[in-house]
């Protein structure tokens, strides 16, 4: 069992500041996140497996802003590290372990967002 800091409460204050406290919009945002993140991760893993560094970097770049919206700057920094390492083609082992770490964290975040969605639908 990983005693990593990957299970952290999410913070939606930035998101709410940007879009307002609208349960329908928020639920929609969470759904989009939950739907898209696994796709981006799979794309990134694929690119990594093919040694396509610019694509790994591009995938990381696409994912990066999403984590600001949910108050997980630690994850944003992890994604930034993947992006930079892939850009400069350094430390494939590090990139691989960072991608693995990111997958665990994202699985966790998706679970948290599913729970938030349930809370929101109770409010509607």
N, C-alpha and C. Protein backbone atom coordinates (compact mmCIF):
# COMPACT_ATOMS: atom_id res chain seq x y z
N UNK A 1 0.84 -1.20 0.00
CA UNK A 1 0.00 0.00 0.00
C UNK A 1 0.88 1.25 0.00
N UNK A 2 0.60 2.15 -0.91
CA UNK A 2 1.42 3.36 -0.97
C UNK A 2 1.00 4.35 0.10
N UNK A 3 1.98 4.79 0.87
CA UNK A 3 1.68 5.82 1.86
C UNK A 3 2.03 7.17 1.26
N UNK A 4 1.78 7.29 -0.03
CA UNK A 4 2.07 8.51 -0.75
C UNK A 4 1.00 9.55 -0.41
N UNK A 5 1.30 10.80 -0.73
CA UNK A 5 0.35 11.87 -0.43
C UNK A 5 -0.67 12.01 -1.55
N UNK A 6 -0.94 10.91 -2.27
CA UNK A 6 -1.82 11.08 -3.43
C UNK A 6 -3.28 11.18 -3.06
N UNK A 7 -3.65 10.79 -1.84
CA UNK A 7 -5.05 10.99 -1.46
C UNK A 7 -5.17 12.29 -0.66
N UNK A 8 -5.61 13.31 -1.34
CA UNK A 8 -5.76 14.61 -0.69
C UNK A 8 -7.13 15.15 -1.00
N UNK A 9 -7.65 15.95 -0.07
CA UNK A 9 -8.96 16.56 -0.38
C UNK A 9 -8.82 17.48 -1.59
N UNK A 10 -9.86 17.58 -2.37
CA UNK A 10 -9.86 18.46 -3.52
C UNK A 10 -10.38 19.82 -3.07
N UNK A 11 -9.95 20.85 -3.79
CA UNK A 11 -10.38 22.20 -3.45
C UNK A 11 -10.95 22.84 -4.71
N UNK A 12 -12.23 23.15 -4.67
CA UNK A 12 -12.90 23.67 -5.87
C UNK A 12 -13.06 25.19 -5.85
N UNK A 13 -12.38 25.86 -4.91
CA UNK A 13 -12.61 27.30 -4.77
C UNK A 13 -12.23 28.06 -6.05
N UNK A 14 -11.15 27.64 -6.70
CA UNK A 14 -10.72 28.30 -7.93
C UNK A 14 -11.75 28.08 -9.04
N UNK A 15 -12.22 26.85 -9.14
CA UNK A 15 -13.22 26.50 -10.15
C UNK A 15 -14.51 27.29 -9.90
N UNK A 16 -14.95 27.34 -8.66
CA UNK A 16 -16.19 28.03 -8.31
C UNK A 16 -16.04 29.54 -8.55
N UNK A 17 -14.84 30.05 -8.26
CA UNK A 17 -14.55 31.46 -8.52
C UNK A 17 -14.71 31.76 -10.01
N UNK A 18 -14.28 30.80 -10.85
CA UNK A 18 -14.33 31.02 -12.29
C UNK A 18 -15.72 30.81 -12.87
N UNK A 19 -16.45 29.81 -12.40
CA UNK A 19 -17.71 29.46 -13.06
C UNK A 19 -18.94 29.70 -12.19
N UNK A 20 -18.71 30.05 -10.93
CA UNK A 20 -19.84 30.22 -10.03
C UNK A 20 -20.22 28.89 -9.40
N UNK A 21 -20.96 28.95 -8.34
CA UNK A 21 -21.32 27.74 -7.60
C UNK A 21 -22.58 27.13 -8.20
N UNK A 22 -22.45 26.63 -9.41
CA UNK A 22 -23.58 26.08 -10.13
C UNK A 22 -23.46 24.55 -10.15
N UNK A 23 -24.30 23.86 -9.37
CA UNK A 23 -24.16 22.41 -9.26
C UNK A 23 -24.21 21.68 -10.60
N UNK A 24 -25.02 22.17 -11.53
CA UNK A 24 -25.14 21.49 -12.82
C UNK A 24 -23.84 21.64 -13.62
N UNK A 25 -23.30 22.86 -13.63
CA UNK A 25 -22.05 23.08 -14.35
C UNK A 25 -20.90 22.30 -13.70
N UNK A 26 -20.86 22.33 -12.37
CA UNK A 26 -19.78 21.64 -11.66
C UNK A 26 -19.84 20.13 -11.93
N UNK A 27 -21.04 19.57 -11.86
CA UNK A 27 -21.21 18.14 -12.11
C UNK A 27 -20.73 17.80 -13.52
N UNK A 28 -21.03 18.70 -14.45
CA UNK A 28 -20.61 18.54 -15.83
C UNK A 28 -19.09 18.58 -15.97
N UNK A 29 -18.49 19.51 -15.25
CA UNK A 29 -17.02 19.63 -15.26
C UNK A 29 -16.39 18.34 -14.72
N UNK A 30 -16.94 17.84 -13.61
CA UNK A 30 -16.40 16.62 -13.00
C UNK A 30 -16.53 15.44 -13.96
N UNK A 31 -17.67 15.38 -14.64
CA UNK A 31 -17.89 14.29 -15.59
C UNK A 31 -16.86 14.37 -16.72
N UNK A 32 -16.64 15.56 -17.24
CA UNK A 32 -15.66 15.76 -18.31
C UNK A 32 -14.28 15.32 -17.85
N UNK A 33 -13.92 15.70 -16.63
CA UNK A 33 -12.63 15.32 -16.07
C UNK A 33 -12.51 13.80 -16.01
N UNK A 34 -13.50 13.18 -15.42
CA UNK A 34 -13.50 11.72 -15.24
C UNK A 34 -13.47 11.00 -16.59
N UNK A 35 -14.15 11.57 -17.60
CA UNK A 35 -14.16 10.96 -18.94
C UNK A 35 -12.84 11.14 -19.69
N UNK A 36 -12.24 12.32 -19.55
CA UNK A 36 -11.08 12.65 -20.38
C UNK A 36 -9.74 12.23 -19.82
N UNK A 37 -9.59 12.31 -18.50
CA UNK A 37 -8.28 12.02 -17.91
C UNK A 37 -7.76 10.62 -18.28
N UNK A 38 -8.58 9.57 -18.18
CA UNK A 38 -8.07 8.25 -18.56
C UNK A 38 -7.64 8.19 -20.03
N UNK A 39 -8.33 8.94 -20.89
CA UNK A 39 -7.99 8.98 -22.31
C UNK A 39 -6.62 9.64 -22.49
N UNK A 40 -6.41 10.77 -21.83
CA UNK A 40 -5.12 11.46 -21.90
C UNK A 40 -4.00 10.58 -21.35
N UNK A 41 -4.29 9.89 -20.24
CA UNK A 41 -3.28 9.02 -19.63
C UNK A 41 -2.89 7.88 -20.57
N UNK A 42 -3.90 7.28 -21.20
CA UNK A 42 -3.64 6.18 -22.13
C UNK A 42 -2.81 6.67 -23.30
N UNK A 43 -3.15 7.86 -23.78
CA UNK A 43 -2.43 8.48 -24.89
C UNK A 43 -0.97 8.72 -24.50
N UNK A 44 -0.79 9.20 -23.27
CA UNK A 44 0.56 9.49 -22.77
C UNK A 44 1.37 8.20 -22.63
N UNK A 45 0.74 7.16 -22.09
CA UNK A 45 1.42 5.88 -21.91
C UNK A 45 1.82 5.27 -23.25
N UNK A 46 0.92 5.38 -24.20
CA UNK A 46 1.17 4.91 -25.55
C UNK A 46 2.37 5.61 -26.17
N UNK A 47 2.35 6.94 -26.06
CA UNK A 47 3.44 7.75 -26.60
C UNK A 47 4.75 7.36 -25.92
N UNK A 48 4.69 7.14 -24.61
CA UNK A 48 5.89 6.75 -23.87
C UNK A 48 6.41 5.40 -24.37
N UNK A 49 5.50 4.45 -24.53
CA UNK A 49 5.87 3.11 -25.01
C UNK A 49 6.52 3.17 -26.39
N UNK A 50 6.09 4.14 -27.20
CA UNK A 50 6.64 4.28 -28.54
C UNK A 50 7.85 5.21 -28.59
N UNK A 51 8.27 5.68 -27.41
CA UNK A 51 9.41 6.60 -27.35
C UNK A 51 9.14 7.92 -28.05
N UNK A 52 7.86 8.29 -28.13
CA UNK A 52 7.49 9.55 -28.77
C UNK A 52 7.46 10.67 -27.72
N UNK A 53 8.63 11.23 -27.44
CA UNK A 53 8.78 12.18 -26.32
C UNK A 53 7.96 13.44 -26.53
N UNK A 54 7.90 13.94 -27.77
CA UNK A 54 7.17 15.19 -27.96
C UNK A 54 5.69 14.97 -27.70
N UNK A 55 5.19 13.76 -28.02
CA UNK A 55 3.78 13.46 -27.75
C UNK A 55 3.53 13.30 -26.24
N UNK A 56 4.47 12.69 -25.53
CA UNK A 56 4.34 12.56 -24.07
C UNK A 56 4.24 13.97 -23.48
N UNK A 57 5.14 14.84 -23.94
CA UNK A 57 5.18 16.21 -23.46
C UNK A 57 3.87 16.95 -23.79
N UNK A 58 3.36 16.73 -24.99
CA UNK A 58 2.13 17.37 -25.44
C UNK A 58 0.93 16.90 -24.58
N UNK A 59 0.87 15.60 -24.30
CA UNK A 59 -0.22 15.06 -23.47
C UNK A 59 -0.17 15.68 -22.08
N UNK A 60 1.03 15.77 -21.52
CA UNK A 60 1.19 16.34 -20.19
C UNK A 60 0.72 17.79 -20.21
N UNK A 61 1.11 18.50 -21.25
CA UNK A 61 0.75 19.91 -21.38
C UNK A 61 -0.77 20.10 -21.41
N UNK A 62 -1.46 19.19 -22.12
CA UNK A 62 -2.92 19.26 -22.24
C UNK A 62 -3.60 19.04 -20.89
N UNK A 63 -3.01 18.15 -20.07
CA UNK A 63 -3.64 17.79 -18.80
C UNK A 63 -3.41 18.82 -17.70
N UNK A 64 -2.30 19.53 -17.83
CA UNK A 64 -1.81 20.38 -16.75
C UNK A 64 -2.84 21.33 -16.12
N UNK A 65 -3.54 22.15 -16.92
CA UNK A 65 -4.45 23.14 -16.31
C UNK A 65 -5.56 22.52 -15.48
N UNK A 66 -5.99 21.34 -15.87
CA UNK A 66 -7.12 20.69 -15.21
C UNK A 66 -6.92 20.58 -13.70
N UNK A 67 -5.67 20.35 -13.28
CA UNK A 67 -5.43 20.10 -11.86
C UNK A 67 -5.52 21.37 -11.01
N UNK A 68 -5.35 22.53 -11.65
CA UNK A 68 -5.52 23.80 -10.94
C UNK A 68 -6.96 23.97 -10.50
N UNK A 69 -7.87 23.52 -11.37
CA UNK A 69 -9.30 23.69 -11.09
C UNK A 69 -9.76 22.92 -9.88
N UNK A 70 -9.04 21.86 -9.54
CA UNK A 70 -9.48 21.03 -8.41
C UNK A 70 -8.54 21.18 -7.22
N UNK A 71 -7.69 22.22 -7.27
CA UNK A 71 -6.85 22.54 -6.13
C UNK A 71 -5.74 21.54 -5.88
N UNK A 72 -5.26 20.88 -6.93
CA UNK A 72 -4.18 19.91 -6.76
C UNK A 72 -2.92 20.38 -7.49
N UNK A 73 -2.30 21.43 -6.93
CA UNK A 73 -1.09 21.95 -7.56
C UNK A 73 0.06 20.96 -7.48
N UNK A 74 0.01 20.07 -6.49
CA UNK A 74 1.05 19.03 -6.39
C UNK A 74 1.02 18.16 -7.65
N UNK A 75 -0.20 17.85 -8.12
CA UNK A 75 -0.35 17.01 -9.31
C UNK A 75 0.06 17.80 -10.55
N UNK A 76 -0.30 19.08 -10.55
CA UNK A 76 0.09 19.94 -11.67
C UNK A 76 1.61 19.96 -11.79
N UNK A 77 2.31 20.01 -10.65
CA UNK A 77 3.77 20.01 -10.67
C UNK A 77 4.33 18.68 -11.18
N UNK A 78 3.68 17.60 -10.80
CA UNK A 78 4.09 16.27 -11.28
C UNK A 78 3.96 16.21 -12.81
N UNK A 79 2.83 16.70 -13.31
CA UNK A 79 2.58 16.70 -14.75
C UNK A 79 3.60 17.60 -15.46
N UNK A 80 3.92 18.73 -14.82
CA UNK A 80 4.92 19.65 -15.36
C UNK A 80 6.28 18.97 -15.47
N UNK A 81 6.62 18.18 -14.45
CA UNK A 81 7.90 17.46 -14.46
C UNK A 81 7.93 16.46 -15.62
N UNK A 82 6.82 15.75 -15.82
CA UNK A 82 6.74 14.80 -16.94
C UNK A 82 6.93 15.56 -18.26
N UNK A 83 6.23 16.69 -18.36
CA UNK A 83 6.31 17.50 -19.59
C UNK A 83 7.75 17.93 -19.87
N UNK A 84 8.42 18.47 -18.85
CA UNK A 84 9.80 18.97 -19.02
C UNK A 84 10.77 17.85 -19.34
N UNK A 85 10.67 16.73 -18.59
CA UNK A 85 11.58 15.62 -18.83
C UNK A 85 11.39 15.04 -20.24
N UNK A 86 10.14 14.94 -20.66
CA UNK A 86 9.87 14.39 -21.99
C UNK A 86 10.37 15.35 -23.07
N UNK A 87 10.16 16.65 -22.84
CA UNK A 87 10.62 17.66 -23.79
C UNK A 87 12.11 17.55 -24.04
N UNK A 88 12.85 17.33 -22.95
CA UNK A 88 14.31 17.30 -23.04
C UNK A 88 14.84 15.87 -23.12
N UNK A 89 13.90 14.92 -23.22
CA UNK A 89 14.26 13.51 -23.35
C UNK A 89 15.24 13.07 -22.26
N UNK A 90 14.92 13.41 -21.01
CA UNK A 90 15.80 12.97 -19.92
C UNK A 90 15.07 12.06 -18.94
N UNK A 91 15.81 11.07 -18.47
CA UNK A 91 15.32 10.19 -17.43
C UNK A 91 14.08 9.40 -17.76
N UNK A 92 14.14 8.54 -18.80
CA UNK A 92 12.95 7.73 -19.13
C UNK A 92 12.40 6.95 -17.93
N UNK A 93 13.30 6.47 -17.05
CA UNK A 93 12.83 5.72 -15.87
C UNK A 93 12.02 6.61 -14.96
N UNK A 94 12.50 7.83 -14.79
CA UNK A 94 11.81 8.82 -13.96
C UNK A 94 10.45 9.15 -14.59
N UNK A 95 10.45 9.35 -15.90
CA UNK A 95 9.19 9.67 -16.59
C UNK A 95 8.20 8.52 -16.38
N UNK A 96 8.69 7.29 -16.54
CA UNK A 96 7.81 6.14 -16.39
C UNK A 96 7.25 6.06 -14.98
N UNK A 97 8.10 6.25 -13.97
CA UNK A 97 7.59 6.16 -12.59
C UNK A 97 6.65 7.32 -12.28
N UNK A 98 6.91 8.49 -12.88
CA UNK A 98 6.00 9.63 -12.70
C UNK A 98 4.65 9.37 -13.36
N UNK A 99 4.66 8.73 -14.52
CA UNK A 99 3.40 8.40 -15.19
C UNK A 99 2.61 7.40 -14.34
N UNK A 100 3.31 6.41 -13.78
CA UNK A 100 2.65 5.43 -12.90
C UNK A 100 2.02 6.12 -11.70
N UNK A 101 2.77 7.03 -11.11
CA UNK A 101 2.30 7.79 -9.95
C UNK A 101 1.08 8.62 -10.33
N UNK A 102 1.16 9.26 -11.50
CA UNK A 102 0.06 10.08 -11.99
C UNK A 102 -1.20 9.25 -12.18
N UNK A 103 -1.04 8.02 -12.70
CA UNK A 103 -2.19 7.14 -12.90
C UNK A 103 -2.89 6.84 -11.58
N UNK A 104 -2.11 6.54 -10.55
CA UNK A 104 -2.69 6.25 -9.23
C UNK A 104 -3.43 7.47 -8.69
N UNK A 105 -2.78 8.63 -8.78
CA UNK A 105 -3.40 9.85 -8.27
C UNK A 105 -4.69 10.16 -9.02
N UNK A 106 -4.66 10.01 -10.35
CA UNK A 106 -5.84 10.32 -11.16
C UNK A 106 -7.00 9.36 -10.86
N UNK A 107 -6.67 8.10 -10.62
CA UNK A 107 -7.71 7.13 -10.27
C UNK A 107 -8.40 7.58 -8.98
N UNK A 108 -7.56 8.04 -8.05
CA UNK A 108 -8.05 8.52 -6.78
C UNK A 108 -8.92 9.76 -6.95
N UNK A 109 -8.44 10.71 -7.75
CA UNK A 109 -9.18 11.95 -8.00
C UNK A 109 -10.52 11.64 -8.67
N UNK A 110 -10.51 10.72 -9.64
CA UNK A 110 -11.76 10.36 -10.32
C UNK A 110 -12.78 9.80 -9.34
N UNK A 111 -12.32 8.99 -8.40
CA UNK A 111 -13.21 8.46 -7.36
C UNK A 111 -13.78 9.60 -6.52
N UNK A 112 -12.92 10.54 -6.15
CA UNK A 112 -13.37 11.69 -5.35
C UNK A 112 -14.39 12.51 -6.13
N UNK A 113 -14.14 12.70 -7.43
CA UNK A 113 -15.05 13.50 -8.25
C UNK A 113 -16.39 12.81 -8.44
N UNK A 114 -16.36 11.49 -8.55
CA UNK A 114 -17.61 10.73 -8.64
C UNK A 114 -18.45 10.98 -7.38
N UNK A 115 -17.78 10.99 -6.23
CA UNK A 115 -18.49 11.23 -4.97
C UNK A 115 -19.05 12.66 -4.93
N UNK A 116 -18.25 13.61 -5.41
CA UNK A 116 -18.72 15.01 -5.46
C UNK A 116 -19.94 15.13 -6.38
N UNK A 117 -19.90 14.41 -7.49
CA UNK A 117 -21.02 14.45 -8.44
C UNK A 117 -22.30 13.95 -7.77
N UNK A 118 -22.18 12.90 -6.98
CA UNK A 118 -23.34 12.36 -6.26
C UNK A 118 -23.91 13.41 -5.28
N UNK A 119 -22.98 14.09 -4.57
CA UNK A 119 -23.42 15.13 -3.64
C UNK A 119 -24.16 16.24 -4.40
N UNK A 120 -23.60 16.60 -5.56
CA UNK A 120 -24.21 17.68 -6.34
C UNK A 120 -25.58 17.29 -6.87
N UNK A 121 -25.71 16.03 -7.33
CA UNK A 121 -27.01 15.65 -7.89
C UNK A 121 -28.07 15.60 -6.79
N UNK A 122 -27.62 15.40 -5.57
CA UNK A 122 -28.57 15.45 -4.44
C UNK A 122 -29.07 16.88 -4.23
N UNK A 123 -28.26 17.87 -4.61
CA UNK A 123 -28.62 19.28 -4.44
C UNK A 123 -29.54 19.79 -5.54
N UNK A 124 -29.53 19.10 -6.68
CA UNK A 124 -30.27 19.65 -7.84
C UNK A 124 -31.77 19.52 -7.68
